[in-house]
Amino acid sequence: MIAQPRATKRYRGVRREKDAPLVAALRRVSAERPRAGSRVAAAHLRREGWTLNDKRAQRLWREEGLKVPRRQRKLRRLGSSANSAQRLRATRINAVWSY
């Protein structure tokens, strides 16, 4: 018996070559529709004629590192309606409470 921790020997799965065209199609859909996630991309590919379920699409999506970019928050308008286009700056402590 070798004095080696069990954590050093783990199973590493082998990527299947038959998934390569499907992964390329997922990447293409992700580039075409940046706000679509794995489920929407899977539905889009099913309409194109691919055979896959949501779990497989989600697994391949995760393995490829594809992500949906976060939405940027809107900047709120501040001040009265006369100068609502300008963002107020604090000139002293407690001058502006919300941005």
Protein backbone atom coordinates (compact mmCIF):
# COMPACT_ATOMS: atom_id res chain seq x y z
CA MET A 1 0.00 0.00 0.00
CA ILE A 2 1.31 3.41 -0.95
CA ALA A 3 0.98 6.20 1.60
CA GLN A 4 -0.96 8.47 -0.71
CA PRO A 5 -4.12 10.43 0.09
CA ARG A 6 -7.27 9.25 -1.66
CA ALA A 7 -7.98 12.80 -2.79
CA THR A 8 -5.04 12.68 -5.20
CA LYS A 9 -6.59 9.87 -7.24
CA ARG A 10 -9.92 10.94 -8.64
CA TYR A 11 -11.83 9.87 -11.71
CA ARG A 12 -11.48 12.24 -14.62
CA GLY A 13 -14.11 11.85 -17.29
CA VAL A 14 -13.17 11.86 -20.95
CA ARG A 15 -14.96 14.33 -23.21
CA ARG A 16 -16.90 12.62 -25.93
CA GLU A 17 -15.99 13.50 -29.48
CA LYS A 18 -19.59 13.16 -30.63
CA ASP A 19 -20.49 16.24 -28.54
CA ALA A 20 -18.09 18.50 -30.47
CA PRO A 21 -20.60 19.59 -33.16
CA LEU A 22 -23.25 20.15 -30.49
CA VAL A 23 -20.86 22.28 -28.43
CA ALA A 24 -20.05 24.33 -31.53
CA ALA A 25 -23.78 24.83 -32.12
CA LEU A 26 -24.26 25.90 -28.47
CA ARG A 27 -21.45 28.42 -28.84
CA ARG A 28 -23.03 29.75 -32.04
CA VAL A 29 -26.43 30.18 -30.37
CA SER A 30 -24.75 31.84 -27.39
CA ALA A 31 -23.04 34.33 -29.72
CA GLU A 32 -26.29 35.01 -31.62
CA ARG A 33 -28.40 35.42 -28.48
CA PRO A 34 -26.21 36.67 -25.61
CA ARG A 35 -29.11 36.95 -23.13
CA ALA A 36 -30.23 33.34 -23.69
CA GLY A 37 -29.24 30.66 -21.20
CA SER A 38 -28.78 26.94 -21.66
CA ARG A 39 -32.51 26.12 -21.70
CA VAL A 40 -33.35 28.71 -24.35
CA ALA A 41 -30.32 27.62 -26.39
CA ALA A 42 -31.44 23.98 -26.11
CA ALA A 43 -34.93 24.88 -27.32
CA HIS A 44 -33.41 26.83 -30.21
CA LEU A 45 -31.25 23.85 -31.19
CA ARG A 46 -34.21 21.46 -30.96
CA ARG A 47 -36.07 23.67 -33.43
CA GLU A 48 -33.05 23.36 -35.74
CA GLY A 49 -33.27 19.55 -35.55
CA TRP A 50 -30.76 18.62 -32.83
CA THR A 51 -31.71 15.88 -30.35
CA LEU A 52 -30.84 16.91 -26.81
CA ASN A 53 -32.54 17.44 -23.48
CA ASP A 54 -32.14 20.35 -21.08
CA LYS A 55 -29.85 18.46 -18.71
CA ARG A 56 -27.37 17.59 -21.43
CA ALA A 57 -27.44 21.15 -22.76
CA GLN A 58 -26.87 22.51 -19.25
CA ARG A 59 -23.94 20.12 -18.66
CA LEU A 60 -22.25 21.08 -21.94
CA TRP A 61 -23.01 24.78 -21.28
CA ARG A 62 -21.33 24.56 -17.87
CA GLU A 63 -18.34 22.57 -19.17
CA GLU A 64 -17.71 25.16 -21.88
CA GLY A 65 -17.87 27.98 -19.35
CA LEU A 66 -20.66 29.81 -21.16
CA LYS A 67 -22.48 32.39 -19.08
CA VAL A 68 -25.18 34.97 -19.54
CA PRO A 69 -23.76 38.45 -18.87
CA ARG A 70 -25.29 40.30 -15.96
CA ARG A 71 -27.60 43.18 -16.68
CA GLN A 72 -26.23 46.62 -15.92
CA ARG A 73 -28.18 48.65 -13.42
CA LYS A 74 -29.85 51.80 -14.66
CA LEU A 75 -28.64 55.09 -13.26
CA ARG A 76 -31.48 56.91 -11.58
CA ARG A 77 -32.21 60.51 -12.35
CA LEU A 78 -31.66 62.86 -9.48
CA GLY A 79 -32.70 66.39 -8.70
CA SER A 80 -35.72 68.35 -9.76
CA SER A 81 -37.23 68.19 -13.22
CA ALA A 82 -35.29 71.32 -14.19
CA ASN A 83 -31.93 69.58 -13.92
CA SER A 84 -32.93 65.92 -14.02
CA ALA A 85 -30.41 65.13 -16.75
CA GLN A 86 -27.53 65.96 -14.41
CA ARG A 87 -26.30 63.63 -11.73
CA LEU A 88 -26.08 65.44 -8.40
CA ARG A 89 -22.76 65.47 -6.60
CA ALA A 90 -22.51 65.68 -2.85
CA THR A 91 -21.13 69.08 -1.86
CA ARG A 92 -21.21 68.33 1.87
CA ILE A 93 -22.04 65.46 4.23
CA ASN A 94 -25.65 64.24 3.86
CA ALA A 95 -26.27 66.46 0.82
CA VAL A 96 -27.29 63.57 -1.46
CA TRP A 97 -28.75 60.38 0.01
CA SER A 98 -29.36 58.28 -3.09
CA TYR A 99 -27.68 58.03 -6.44
